[in-house]
PDB file of N, CA and C in Angstrom:
ATOM      1  N   MET A   1     -47.349 -16.082  51.364  1.00  0.00           N
ATOM      2  CA  MET A   1     -46.539 -15.047  50.757  1.00  0.00           C
ATOM      3  C   MET A   1     -45.078 -15.427  50.929  1.00  0.00           C
ATOM      4  N   SER A   2     -44.343 -15.520  49.826  1.00  0.00           N
ATOM      5  CA  SER A   2     -42.938 -15.890  49.928  1.00  0.00           C
ATOM      6  C   SER A   2     -42.074 -14.651  49.753  1.00  0.00           C
ATOM      7  N   SER A   3     -41.452 -14.235  50.822  1.00  0.00           N
ATOM      8  CA  SER A   3     -40.564 -13.089  50.744  1.00  0.00           C
ATOM      9  C   SER A   3     -39.152 -13.532  51.098  1.00  0.00           C
ATOM     10  N   THR A   4     -38.189 -12.864  50.477  1.00  0.00           N
ATOM     11  CA  THR A   4     -36.799 -13.193  50.717  1.00  0.00           C
ATOM     12  C   THR A   4     -36.331 -12.489  51.980  1.00  0.00           C
ATOM     13  N   PRO A   5     -35.704 -13.212  52.924  1.00  0.00           N
ATOM     14  CA  PRO A   5     -35.176 -12.552  54.114  1.00  0.00           C
ATOM     15  C   PRO A   5     -34.195 -11.446  53.715  1.00  0.00           C
ATOM     16  N   SER A   6     -34.127 -10.394  54.515  1.00  0.00           N
ATOM     17  CA  SER A   6     -33.313  -9.233  54.159  1.00  0.00           C
ATOM     18  C   SER A   6     -31.826  -9.555  54.049  1.00  0.00           C
ATOM     19  N   PHE A   7     -31.366 -10.617  54.705  1.00  0.00           N
ATOM     20  CA  PHE A   7     -29.949 -10.941  54.640  1.00  0.00           C
ATOM     21  C   PHE A   7     -29.592 -11.734  53.378  1.00  0.00           C
ATOM     22  N   LEU A   8     -30.593 -12.193  52.645  1.00  0.00           N
ATOM     23  CA  LEU A   8     -30.355 -12.904  51.396  1.00  0.00           C
ATOM     24  C   LEU A   8     -30.631 -11.974  50.227  1.00  0.00           C
ATOM     25  N   ALA A   9     -29.749 -12.002  49.257  1.00  0.00           N
ATOM     26  CA  ALA A   9     -29.936 -11.162  48.082  1.00  0.00           C
ATOM     27  C   ALA A   9     -30.904 -11.833  47.116  1.00  0.00           C
ATOM     28  N   THR A  10     -31.739 -11.035  46.486  1.00  0.00           N
ATOM     29  CA  THR A  10     -32.609 -11.558  45.448  1.00  0.00           C
ATOM     30  C   THR A  10     -31.740 -11.859  44.224  1.00  0.00           C
ATOM     31  N   PRO A  11     -32.226 -12.687  43.318  1.00  0.00           N
ATOM     32  CA  PRO A  11     -31.437 -12.953  42.106  1.00  0.00           C
ATOM     33  C   PRO A  11     -31.088 -11.673  41.346  1.00  0.00           C
ATOM     34  N   ARG A  12     -32.031 -10.759  41.237  1.00  0.00           N
ATOM     35  CA  ARG A  12     -31.761  -9.498  40.530  1.00  0.00           C
ATOM     36  C   ARG A  12     -30.696  -8.683  41.262  1.00  0.00           C
ATOM     37  N   GLU A  13     -30.793  -8.640  42.582  1.00  0.00           N
ATOM     38  CA  GLU A  13     -29.789  -7.895  43.349  1.00  0.00           C
ATOM     39  C   GLU A  13     -28.406  -8.523  43.180  1.00  0.00           C
ATOM     40  N   SER A  14     -28.335  -9.837  43.186  1.00  0.00           N
ATOM     41  CA  SER A  14     -27.054 -10.534  42.979  1.00  0.00           C
ATOM     42  C   SER A  14     -26.481 -10.205  41.609  1.00  0.00           C
ATOM     43  N   GLN A  15     -27.345 -10.122  40.606  1.00  0.00           N
ATOM     44  CA  GLN A  15     -26.885  -9.785  39.262  1.00  0.00           C
ATOM     45  C   GLN A  15     -26.368  -8.347  39.209  1.00  0.00           C
ATOM     46  N   LEU A  16     -27.061  -7.441  39.881  1.00  0.00           N
ATOM     47  CA  LEU A  16     -26.614  -6.046  39.912  1.00  0.00           C
ATOM     48  C   LEU A  16     -25.276  -5.919  40.635  1.00  0.00           C
ATOM     49  N   VAL A  17     -25.098  -6.664  41.719  1.00  0.00           N
ATOM     50  CA  VAL A  17     -23.825  -6.660  42.447  1.00  0.00           C
ATOM     51  C   VAL A  17     -22.722  -7.196  41.541  1.00  0.00           C
ATOM     52  N   PHE A  18     -23.012  -8.262  40.810  1.00  0.00           N
ATOM     53  CA  PHE A  18     -22.037  -8.831  39.889  1.00  0.00           C
ATOM     54  C   PHE A  18     -21.641  -7.807  38.821  1.00  0.00           C
ATOM     55  N   ILE A  19     -22.615  -7.120  38.271  1.00  0.00           N
ATOM     56  CA  ILE A  19     -22.338  -6.104  37.249  1.00  0.00           C
ATOM     57  C   ILE A  19     -21.498  -4.979  37.837  1.00  0.00           C
ATOM     58  N   ARG A  20     -21.901  -4.484  38.997  1.00  0.00           N
ATOM     59  CA  ARG A  20     -21.164  -3.393  39.638  1.00  0.00           C
ATOM     60  C   ARG A  20     -19.724  -3.801  39.937  1.00  0.00           C
ATOM     61  N   ASP A  21     -19.550  -4.980  40.532  1.00  0.00           N
ATOM     62  CA  ASP A  21     -18.204  -5.439  40.875  1.00  0.00           C
ATOM     63  C   ASP A  21     -17.366  -5.680  39.623  1.00  0.00           C
ATOM     64  N   SER A  22     -17.994  -6.172  38.564  1.00  0.00           N
ATOM     65  CA  SER A  22     -17.270  -6.370  37.304  1.00  0.00           C
ATOM     66  C   SER A  22     -16.769  -5.033  36.764  1.00  0.00           C
ATOM     67  N   LEU A  23     -17.618  -4.019  36.797  1.00  0.00           N
ATOM     68  CA  LEU A  23     -17.209  -2.700  36.319  1.00  0.00           C
ATOM     69  C   LEU A  23     -16.084  -2.125  37.178  1.00  0.00           C
ATOM     70  N   GLU A  24     -16.179  -2.310  38.496  1.00  0.00           N
ATOM     71  CA  GLU A  24     -15.107  -1.839  39.387  1.00  0.00           C
ATOM     72  C   GLU A  24     -13.790  -2.538  39.061  1.00  0.00           C
ATOM     73  N   LEU A  25     -13.850  -3.831  38.838  1.00  0.00           N
ATOM     74  CA  LEU A  25     -12.632  -4.592  38.564  1.00  0.00           C
ATOM     75  C   LEU A  25     -12.062  -4.263  37.184  1.00  0.00           C
ATOM     76  N   ILE A  26     -12.925  -3.999  36.230  1.00  0.00           N
ATOM     77  CA  ILE A  26     -12.451  -3.544  34.920  1.00  0.00           C
ATOM     78  C   ILE A  26     -11.742  -2.208  35.086  1.00  0.00           C
ATOM     79  N   SER A  27     -12.349  -1.313  35.846  1.00  0.00           N
ATOM     80  CA  SER A  27     -11.735  -0.017  36.104  1.00  0.00           C
ATOM     81  C   SER A  27     -10.370  -0.180  36.776  1.00  0.00           C
ATOM     82  N   ASP A  28     -10.283  -1.099  37.727  1.00  0.00           N
ATOM     83  CA  ASP A  28      -9.019  -1.339  38.435  1.00  0.00           C
ATOM     84  C   ASP A  28      -7.914  -1.791  37.485  1.00  0.00           C
ATOM     85  N   LEU A  29      -8.284  -2.540  36.440  1.00  0.00           N
ATOM     86  CA  LEU A  29      -7.278  -2.974  35.462  1.00  0.00           C
ATOM     87  C   LEU A  29      -6.569  -1.774  34.827  1.00  0.00           C
ATOM     88  N   TYR A  30      -7.305  -0.690  34.676  1.00  0.00           N
ATOM     89  CA  TYR A  30      -6.774   0.482  33.985  1.00  0.00           C
ATOM     90  C   TYR A  30      -6.190   1.528  34.934  1.00  0.00           C
ATOM     91  N   ASP A  31      -6.081   1.199  36.227  1.00  0.00           N
ATOM     92  CA  ASP A  31      -5.529   2.157  37.200  1.00  0.00           C
ATOM     93  C   ASP A  31      -4.143   2.657  36.812  1.00  0.00           C
ATOM     94  N   ASN A  32      -3.294   1.773  36.387  1.00  0.00           N
ATOM     95  CA  ASN A  32      -1.925   2.144  36.013  1.00  0.00           C
ATOM     96  C   ASN A  32      -1.737   2.018  34.504  1.00  0.00           C
ATOM     97  N   PHE A  33      -2.701   2.522  33.787  1.00  0.00           N
ATOM     98  CA  PHE A  33      -2.707   2.406  32.331  1.00  0.00           C
ATOM     99  C   PHE A  33      -1.555   3.182  31.719  1.00  0.00           C
ATOM    100  N   THR A  34      -0.819   2.525  30.865  1.00  0.00           N
ATOM    101  CA  THR A  34       0.263   3.169  30.120  1.00  0.00           C
ATOM    102  C   THR A  34       0.325   2.561  28.727  1.00  0.00           C
ATOM    103  N   SER A  35      -0.151   3.285  27.759  1.00  0.00           N
ATOM    104  CA  SER A  35      -0.037   2.850  26.367  1.00  0.00           C
ATOM    105  C   SER A  35      -0.013   4.085  25.491  1.00  0.00           C
ATOM    106  N   SER A  36       1.083   4.250  24.808  1.00  0.00           N
ATOM    107  CA  SER A  36       1.226   5.437  23.965  1.00  0.00           C
ATOM    108  C   SER A  36       0.461   5.313  22.656  1.00  0.00           C
ATOM    109  N   THR A  37      -0.059   4.113  22.370  1.00  0.00           N
ATOM    110  CA  THR A  37      -0.760   3.911  21.101  1.00  0.00           C
ATOM    111  C   THR A  37      -2.252   4.190  21.193  1.00  0.00           C
ATOM    112  N   TRP A  38      -2.783   4.360  22.386  1.00  0.00           N
ATOM    113  CA  TRP A  38      -4.212   4.607  22.552  1.00  0.00           C
ATOM    114  C   TRP A  38      -4.483   6.094  22.683  1.00  0.00           C
ATOM    115  N   ASP A  39      -5.650   6.503  22.253  1.00  0.00           N
ATOM    116  CA  ASP A  39      -6.095   7.886  22.395  1.00  0.00           C
ATOM    117  C   ASP A  39      -6.397   8.159  23.871  1.00  0.00           C
ATOM    118  N   ALA A  40      -5.631   9.051  24.472  1.00  0.00           N
ATOM    119  CA  ALA A  40      -5.751   9.324  25.909  1.00  0.00           C
ATOM    120  C   ALA A  40      -7.123   9.902  26.272  1.00  0.00           C
ATOM    121  N   VAL A  41      -7.666  10.747  25.424  1.00  0.00           N
ATOM    122  CA  VAL A  41      -8.968  11.365  25.701  1.00  0.00           C
ATOM    123  C   VAL A  41     -10.073  10.310  25.680  1.00  0.00           C
ATOM    124  N   LYS A  42     -10.059   9.444  24.680  1.00  0.00           N
ATOM    125  CA  LYS A  42     -11.074   8.388  24.593  1.00  0.00           C
ATOM    126  C   LYS A  42     -10.955   7.408  25.763  1.00  0.00           C
ATOM    127  N   THR A  43      -9.730   7.106  26.142  1.00  0.00           N
ATOM    128  CA  THR A  43      -9.519   6.196  27.270  1.00  0.00           C
ATOM    129  C   THR A  43     -10.044   6.821  28.552  1.00  0.00           C
ATOM    130  N   GLU A  44      -9.760   8.089  28.766  1.00  0.00           N
ATOM    131  CA  GLU A  44     -10.258   8.788  29.963  1.00  0.00           C
ATOM    132  C   GLU A  44     -11.782   8.842  29.946  1.00  0.00           C
ATOM    133  N   HIS A  45     -12.368   9.103  28.795  1.00  0.00           N
ATOM    134  CA  HIS A  45     -13.824   9.147  28.665  1.00  0.00           C
ATOM    135  C   HIS A  45     -14.428   7.784  29.010  1.00  0.00           C
ATOM    136  N   PHE A  46     -13.808   6.706  28.517  1.00  0.00           N
ATOM    137  CA  PHE A  46     -14.243   5.348  28.823  1.00  0.00           C
ATOM    138  C   PHE A  46     -14.240   5.114  30.342  1.00  0.00           C
ATOM    139  N   LEU A  47     -13.161   5.506  31.004  1.00  0.00           N
ATOM    140  CA  LEU A  47     -13.059   5.289  32.453  1.00  0.00           C
ATOM    141  C   LEU A  47     -14.071   6.132  33.228  1.00  0.00           C
ATOM    142  N   ILE A  48     -14.355   7.323  32.752  1.00  0.00           N
ATOM    143  CA  ILE A  48     -15.370   8.173  33.396  1.00  0.00           C
ATOM    144  C   ILE A  48     -16.734   7.496  33.304  1.00  0.00           C
ATOM    145  N   ILE A  49     -17.042   6.923  32.152  1.00  0.00           N
ATOM    146  CA  ILE A  49     -18.325   6.229  31.977  1.00  0.00           C
ATOM    147  C   ILE A  49     -18.411   5.019  32.901  1.00  0.00           C
ATOM    148  N   ILE A  50     -17.334   4.243  32.993  1.00  0.00           N
ATOM    149  CA  ILE A  50     -17.317   3.075  33.880  1.00  0.00           C
ATOM    150  C   ILE A  50     -17.545   3.515  35.324  1.00  0.00           C
ATOM    151  N   HIS A  51     -16.855   4.569  35.756  1.00  0.00           N
ATOM    152  CA  HIS A  51     -17.030   5.065  37.128  1.00  0.00           C
ATOM    153  C   HIS A  51     -18.460   5.558  37.357  1.00  0.00           C
ATOM    154  N   SER A  52     -19.016   6.232  36.372  1.00  0.00           N
ATOM    155  CA  SER A  52     -20.381   6.738  36.486  1.00  0.00           C
ATOM    156  C   SER A  52     -21.386   5.595  36.624  1.00  0.00           C
ATOM    157  N   GLN A  53     -21.227   4.566  35.813  1.00  0.00           N
ATOM    158  CA  GLN A  53     -22.138   3.425  35.893  1.00  0.00           C
ATOM    159  C   GLN A  53     -21.985   2.692  37.230  1.00  0.00           C
ATOM    160  N   THR A  54     -20.759   2.579  37.703  1.00  0.00           N
ATOM    161  CA  THR A  54     -20.520   1.945  38.998  1.00  0.00           C
ATOM    162  C   THR A  54     -21.193   2.745  40.110  1.00  0.00           C
ATOM    163  N   HIS A  55     -21.041   4.048  40.051  1.00  0.00           N
ATOM    164  CA  HIS A  55     -21.667   4.921  41.053  1.00  0.00           C
ATOM    165  C   HIS A  55     -23.194   4.772  41.016  1.00  0.00           C
ATOM    166  N   GLY A  56     -23.756   4.715  39.822  1.00  0.00           N
ATOM    167  CA  GLY A  56     -25.198   4.535  39.693  1.00  0.00           C
ATOM    168  C   GLY A  56     -25.665   3.210  40.286  1.00  0.00           C
ATOM    169  N   LEU A  57     -24.903   2.157  40.052  1.00  0.00           N
ATOM    170  CA  LEU A  57     -25.262   0.851  40.613  1.00  0.00           C
ATOM    171  C   LEU A  57     -25.125   0.842  42.133  1.00  0.00           C
ATOM    172  N   ASN A  58     -24.186   1.613  42.665  1.00  0.00           N
ATOM    173  CA  ASN A  58     -24.043   1.691  44.121  1.00  0.00           C
ATOM    174  C   ASN A  58     -25.283   2.280  44.779  1.00  0.00           C
ATOM    175  N   SER A  59     -26.050   3.068  44.031  1.00  0.00           N
ATOM    176  CA  SER A  59     -27.281   3.617  44.593  1.00  0.00           C
ATOM    177  C   SER A  59     -28.415   2.595  44.564  1.00  0.00           C
ATOM    178  N   CYS A  60     -28.210   1.492  43.815  1.00  0.00           N
ATOM    179  CA  CYS A  60     -29.242   0.453  43.701  1.00  0.00           C
ATOM    180  C   CYS A  60     -29.019  -0.725  44.640  1.00  0.00           C
ATOM    181  N   VAL A  61     -27.772  -0.984  44.976  1.00  0.00           N
ATOM    182  CA  VAL A  61     -27.448  -2.142  45.819  1.00  0.00           C
ATOM    183  C   VAL A  61     -26.475  -1.717  46.914  1.00  0.00           C
ATOM    184  N   SER A  62     -26.466  -2.474  47.971  1.00  0.00           N
ATOM    185  CA  SER A  62     -25.592  -2.174  49.102  1.00  0.00           C
ATOM    186  C   SER A  62     -24.130  -2.277  48.696  1.00  0.00           C
ATOM    187  N   THR A  63     -23.353  -1.300  49.126  1.00  0.00           N
ATOM    188  CA  THR A  63     -21.918  -1.337  48.849  1.00  0.00           C
ATOM    189  C   THR A  63     -21.219  -2.383  49.720  1.00  0.00           C
ATOM    190  N   LYS A  64     -21.929  -2.908  50.707  1.00  0.00           N
ATOM    191  CA  LYS A  64     -21.350  -3.953  51.567  1.00  0.00           C
ATOM    192  C   LYS A  64     -21.428  -5.320  50.911  1.00  0.00           C
ATOM    193  N   LYS A  65     -22.327  -5.465  49.947  1.00  0.00           N
ATOM    194  CA  LYS A  65     -22.471  -6.751  49.260  1.00  0.00           C
ATOM    195  C   LYS A  65     -21.459  -6.835  48.138  1.00  0.00           C
ATOM    196  N   ARG A  66     -20.850  -8.000  48.005  1.00  0.00           N
ATOM    197  CA  ARG A  66     -19.836  -8.222  46.977  1.00  0.00           C
ATOM    198  C   ARG A  66     -20.137  -9.487  46.213  1.00  0.00           C
ATOM    199  N   ALA A  67     -19.708  -9.509  44.967  1.00  0.00           N
ATOM    200  CA  ALA A  67     -19.846 -10.712  44.145  1.00  0.00           C
ATOM    201  C   ALA A  67     -18.887 -11.777  44.667  1.00  0.00           C
ATOM    202  N   ASP A  68     -19.070 -12.960  44.196  1.00  0.00           N
ATOM    203  CA  ASP A  68     -18.244 -14.099  44.565  1.00  0.00           C
ATOM    204  C   ASP A  68     -16.753 -13.777  44.379  1.00  0.00           C
ATOM    205  N   ASN A  69     -15.918 -14.317  45.256  1.00  0.00           N
ATOM    206  CA  ASN A  69     -14.473 -14.083  45.171  1.00  0.00           C
ATOM    207  C   ASN A  69     -13.861 -14.594  43.879  1.00  0.00           C
ATOM    208  N   ARG A  70     -14.519 -15.520  43.195  1.00  0.00           N
ATOM    209  CA  ARG A  70     -13.984 -16.018  41.931  1.00  0.00           C
ATOM    210  C   ARG A  70     -13.850 -14.903  40.906  1.00  0.00           C
ATOM    211  N   LEU A  71     -14.755 -13.944  40.949  1.00  0.00           N
ATOM    212  CA  LEU A  71     -14.693 -12.821  40.023  1.00  0.00           C
ATOM    213  C   LEU A  71     -13.425 -12.005  40.280  1.00  0.00           C
ATOM    214  N   ARG A  72     -13.155 -11.715  41.543  1.00  0.00           N
ATOM    215  CA  ARG A  72     -11.950 -10.948  41.899  1.00  0.00           C
ATOM    216  C   ARG A  72     -10.682 -11.716  41.523  1.00  0.00           C
ATOM    217  N   ARG A  73     -10.685 -13.009  41.778  1.00  0.00           N
ATOM    218  CA  ARG A  73      -9.515 -13.830  41.437  1.00  0.00           C
ATOM    219  C   ARG A  73      -9.282 -13.839  39.930  1.00  0.00           C
ATOM    220  N   TYR A  74     -10.357 -13.893  39.156  1.00  0.00           N
ATOM    221  CA  TYR A  74     -10.222 -13.881  37.696  1.00  0.00           C
ATOM    222  C   TYR A  74      -9.505 -12.605  37.243  1.00  0.00           C
ATOM    223  N   TYR A  75      -9.967 -11.450  37.718  1.00  0.00           N
ATOM    224  CA  TYR A  75      -9.367 -10.191  37.285  1.00  0.00           C
ATOM    225  C   TYR A  75      -7.940 -10.037  37.804  1.00  0.00           C
ATOM    226  N   LYS A  76      -7.663 -10.532  38.998  1.00  0.00           N
ATOM    227  CA  LYS A  76      -6.297 -10.515  39.524  1.00  0.00           C
ATOM    228  C   LYS A  76      -5.374 -11.351  38.647  1.00  0.00           C
ATOM    229  N   ARG A  77      -5.850 -12.532  38.289  1.00  0.00           N
ATOM    230  CA  ARG A  77      -5.074 -13.435  37.440  1.00  0.00           C
ATOM    231  C   ARG A  77      -4.885 -12.821  36.046  1.00  0.00           C
ATOM    232  N   LEU A  78      -5.911 -12.192  35.526  1.00  0.00           N
ATOM    233  CA  LEU A  78      -5.815 -11.537  34.222  1.00  0.00           C
ATOM    234  C   LEU A  78      -4.736 -10.457  34.248  1.00  0.00           C
ATOM    235  N   ALA A  79      -4.742  -9.625  35.260  1.00  0.00           N
ATOM    236  CA  ALA A  79      -3.734  -8.565  35.376  1.00  0.00           C
ATOM    237  C   ALA A  79      -2.340  -9.157  35.555  1.00  0.00           C
ATOM    238  N   ARG A  80      -2.224 -10.145  36.414  1.00  0.00           N
ATOM    239  CA  ARG A  80      -0.919 -10.739  36.695  1.00  0.00           C
ATOM    240  C   ARG A  80      -0.346 -11.427  35.448  1.00  0.00           C
ATOM    241  N   CYS A  81      -1.152 -12.245  34.810  1.00  0.00           N
ATOM    242  CA  CYS A  81      -0.660 -13.025  33.668  1.00  0.00           C
ATOM    243  C   CYS A  81      -0.508 -12.199  32.402  1.00  0.00           C
ATOM    244  N   THR A  82      -1.304 -11.179  32.263  1.00  0.00           N
ATOM    245  CA  THR A  82      -1.279 -10.400  31.026  1.00  0.00           C
ATOM    246  C   THR A  82      -0.392  -9.159  31.144  1.00  0.00           C
ATOM    247  N   LEU A  83      -0.568  -8.398  32.195  1.00  0.00           N
ATOM    248  CA  LEU A  83       0.157  -7.134  32.304  1.00  0.00           C
ATOM    249  C   LEU A  83       1.479  -7.263  33.060  1.00  0.00           C
ATOM    250  N   ASP A  84       1.430  -7.856  34.232  1.00  0.00           N
ATOM    251  CA  ASP A  84       2.611  -7.894  35.080  1.00  0.00           C
ATOM    252  C   ASP A  84       3.748  -8.694  34.467  1.00  0.00           C
ATOM    253  N   ARG A  85       3.417  -9.813  33.862  1.00  0.00           N
ATOM    254  CA  ARG A  85       4.466 -10.676  33.296  1.00  0.00           C
ATOM    255  C   ARG A  85       5.053 -10.145  31.993  1.00  0.00           C
ATOM    256  N   THR A  86       4.377  -9.198  31.375  1.00  0.00           N
ATOM    257  CA  THR A  86       4.863  -8.675  30.098  1.00  0.00           C
ATOM    258  C   THR A  86       5.392  -7.249  30.222  1.00  0.00           C
ATOM    259  N   GLY A  87       5.460  -6.753  31.430  1.00  0.00           N
ATOM    260  CA  GLY A  87       5.940  -5.385  31.609  1.00  0.00           C
ATOM    261  C   GLY A  87       4.988  -4.344  31.079  1.00  0.00           C
ATOM    262  N   ARG A  88       3.702  -4.698  31.028  1.00  0.00           N
ATOM    263  CA  ARG A  88       2.663  -3.773  30.563  1.00  0.00           C
ATOM    264  C   ARG A  88       2.925  -3.292  29.141  1.00  0.00           C
ATOM    265  N   SER A  89       3.292  -4.220  28.293  1.00  0.00           N
ATOM    266  CA  SER A  89       3.600  -3.907  26.892  1.00  0.00           C
ATOM    267  C   SER A  89       2.336  -3.484  26.143  1.00  0.00           C
ATOM    268  N   ALA A  90       2.533  -2.890  24.986  1.00  0.00           N
ATOM    269  CA  ALA A  90       1.401  -2.477  24.147  1.00  0.00           C
ATOM    270  C   ALA A  90       0.559  -3.692  23.759  1.00  0.00           C
ATOM    271  N   ALA A  91       1.211  -4.816  23.484  1.00  0.00           N
ATOM    272  CA  ALA A  91       0.476  -6.030  23.107  1.00  0.00           C
ATOM    273  C   ALA A  91      -0.372  -6.540  24.267  1.00  0.00           C
ATOM    274  N   SER A  92       0.139  -6.440  25.486  1.00  0.00           N
ATOM    275  CA  SER A  92      -0.651  -6.910  26.630  1.00  0.00           C
ATOM    276  C   SER A  92      -1.847  -5.991  26.877  1.00  0.00           C
ATOM    277  N   TRP A  93      -1.672  -4.693  26.658  1.00  0.00           N
ATOM    278  CA  TRP A  93      -2.805  -3.779  26.804  1.00  0.00           C
ATOM    279  C   TRP A  93      -3.854  -4.043  25.732  1.00  0.00           C
ATOM    280  N   GLU A  94      -3.406  -4.425  24.549  1.00  0.00           N
ATOM    281  CA  GLU A  94      -4.367  -4.749  23.492  1.00  0.00           C
ATOM    282  C   GLU A  94      -5.179  -5.984  23.871  1.00  0.00           C
ATOM    283  N   LEU A  95      -4.534  -6.967  24.482  1.00  0.00           N
ATOM    284  CA  LEU A  95      -5.253  -8.147  24.955  1.00  0.00           C
ATOM    285  C   LEU A  95      -6.254  -7.768  26.048  1.00  0.00           C
ATOM    286  N   ILE A  96      -5.859  -6.891  26.960  1.00  0.00           N
ATOM    287  CA  ILE A  96      -6.777  -6.412  28.009  1.00  0.00           C
ATOM    288  C   ILE A  96      -7.959  -5.686  27.371  1.00  0.00           C
ATOM    289  N   ARG A  97      -7.693  -4.891  26.336  1.00  0.00           N
ATOM    290  CA  ARG A  97      -8.784  -4.174  25.657  1.00  0.00           C
ATOM    291  C   ARG A  97      -9.789  -5.158  25.072  1.00  0.00           C
ATOM    292  N   LYS A  98      -9.282  -6.215  24.429  1.00  0.00           N
ATOM    293  CA  LYS A  98     -10.169  -7.211  23.826  1.00  0.00           C
ATOM    294  C   LYS A  98     -10.962  -7.965  24.888  1.00  0.00           C
ATOM    295  N   GLU A  99     -10.315  -8.328  25.985  1.00  0.00           N
ATOM    296  CA  GLU A  99     -11.011  -9.008  27.086  1.00  0.00           C
ATOM    297  C   GLU A  99     -12.054  -8.088  27.703  1.00  0.00           C
ATOM    298  N   THR A 100     -11.717  -6.811  27.855  1.00  0.00           N
ATOM    299  CA  THR A 100     -12.657  -5.834  28.412  1.00  0.00           C
ATOM    300  C   THR A 100     -13.882  -5.733  27.519  1.00  0.00           C
ATOM    301  N   LYS A 101     -13.669  -5.640  26.225  1.00  0.00           N
ATOM    302  CA  LYS A 101     -14.806  -5.562  25.295  1.00  0.00           C
ATOM    303  C   LYS A 101     -15.683  -6.799  25.403  1.00  0.00           C
ATOM    304  N   LEU A 102     -15.066  -7.959  25.462  1.00  0.00           N
ATOM    305  CA  LEU A 102     -15.815  -9.205  25.606  1.00  0.00           C
ATOM    306  C   LEU A 102     -16.660  -9.192  26.880  1.00  0.00           C
ATOM    307  N   HIS A 103     -16.055  -8.782  27.992  1.00  0.00           N
ATOM    308  CA  HIS A 103     -16.775  -8.759  29.266  1.00  0.00           C
ATOM    309  C   HIS A 103     -17.881  -7.706  29.272  1.00  0.00           C
ATOM    310  N   LEU A 104     -17.607  -6.557  28.687  1.00  0.00           N
ATOM    311  CA  LEU A 104     -18.650  -5.527  28.626  1.00  0.00           C
ATOM    312  C   LEU A 104     -19.824  -5.977  27.750  1.00  0.00           C
ATOM    313  N   ASP A 105     -19.529  -6.691  26.675  1.00  0.00           N
ATOM    314  CA  ASP A 105     -20.609  -7.237  25.840  1.00  0.00           C
ATOM    315  C   ASP A 105     -21.450  -8.237  26.638  1.00  0.00           C
ATOM    316  N   GLN A 106     -20.789  -9.075  27.427  1.00  0.00           N
ATOM    317  CA  GLN A 106     -21.506 -10.049  28.246  1.00  0.00           C
ATOM    318  C   GLN A 106     -22.322  -9.357  29.339  1.00  0.00           C
ATOM    319  N   LEU A 107     -21.754  -8.321  29.945  1.00  0.00           N
ATOM    320  CA  LEU A 107     -22.502  -7.563  30.957  1.00  0.00           C
ATOM    321  C   LEU A 107     -23.712  -6.885  30.327  1.00  0.00           C
ATOM    322  N   HIS A 108     -23.553  -6.402  29.107  1.00  0.00           N
ATOM    323  CA  HIS A 108     -24.669  -5.781  28.394  1.00  0.00           C
ATOM    324  C   HIS A 108     -25.815  -6.781  28.209  1.00  0.00           C
ATOM    325  N   MET A 109     -25.468  -8.008  27.846  1.00  0.00           N
ATOM    326  CA  MET A 109     -26.503  -9.042  27.683  1.00  0.00           C
ATOM    327  C   MET A 109     -27.175  -9.351  29.027  1.00  0.00           C
ATOM    328  N   LEU A 110     -26.410  -9.354  30.102  1.00  0.00           N
ATOM    329  CA  LEU A 110     -26.991  -9.588  31.425  1.00  0.00           C
ATOM    330  C   LEU A 110     -27.946  -8.452  31.787  1.00  0.00           C
ATOM    331  N   VAL A 111     -27.544  -7.229  31.538  1.00  0.00           N
ATOM    332  CA  VAL A 111     -28.419  -6.086  31.807  1.00  0.00           C
ATOM    333  C   VAL A 111     -29.701  -6.189  30.988  1.00  0.00           C
ATOM    334  N   ALA A 112     -29.566  -6.571  29.742  1.00  0.00           N
ATOM    335  CA  ALA A 112     -30.757  -6.724  28.879  1.00  0.00           C
ATOM    336  C   ALA A 112     -31.694  -7.778  29.424  1.00  0.00           C
ATOM    337  N   SER A 113     -31.145  -8.861  29.977  1.00  0.00           N
ATOM    338  CA  SER A 113     -32.002  -9.914  30.526  1.00  0.00           C
ATOM    339  C   SER A 113     -32.698  -9.464  31.813  1.00  0.00           C
ATOM    340  N   ILE A 114     -32.072  -8.581  32.558  1.00  0.00           N
ATOM    341  CA  ILE A 114     -32.692  -8.061  33.783  1.00  0.00           C
ATOM    342  C   ILE A 114     -33.847  -7.139  33.452  1.00  0.00           C
ATOM    343  N   ARG A 115     -33.690  -6.367  32.407  1.00  0.00           N
ATOM    344  CA  ARG A 115     -34.715  -5.398  32.011  1.00  0.00           C
ATOM    345  C   ARG A 115     -35.992  -6.056  31.527  1.00  0.00           C
ATOM    346  N   VAL A 116     -35.875  -7.282  31.017  1.00  0.00           N
ATOM    347  CA  VAL A 116     -37.047  -7.967  30.444  1.00  0.00           C
ATOM    348  C   VAL A 116     -38.014  -8.374  31.484  1.00  0.00           C
TER     349      VAL A 116
END
């Protein structure tokens, strides 16, 4: 019988941690959101959904487990290079929106592969 030791994450658990951490980091990008061109209600609704999904994933995996630091560095670099250097302009927020959509689409495909 091959069982995974409790200190090692299963592949599925690692994927769930990656998804959860990705959603948390996406949410963090929008912490200081300022764009007068976006619908505030829709943006708030989007963030509520992200928080809800993150909370749901926290009930599935340990909150002590974290995805690889490369994921955190990527989002830090994205915020620094896109938002911080441009003064959080409308154009930089639009780029963040497009990157967020791309990442959410990729996370959706990962979730679909886990369900199979």
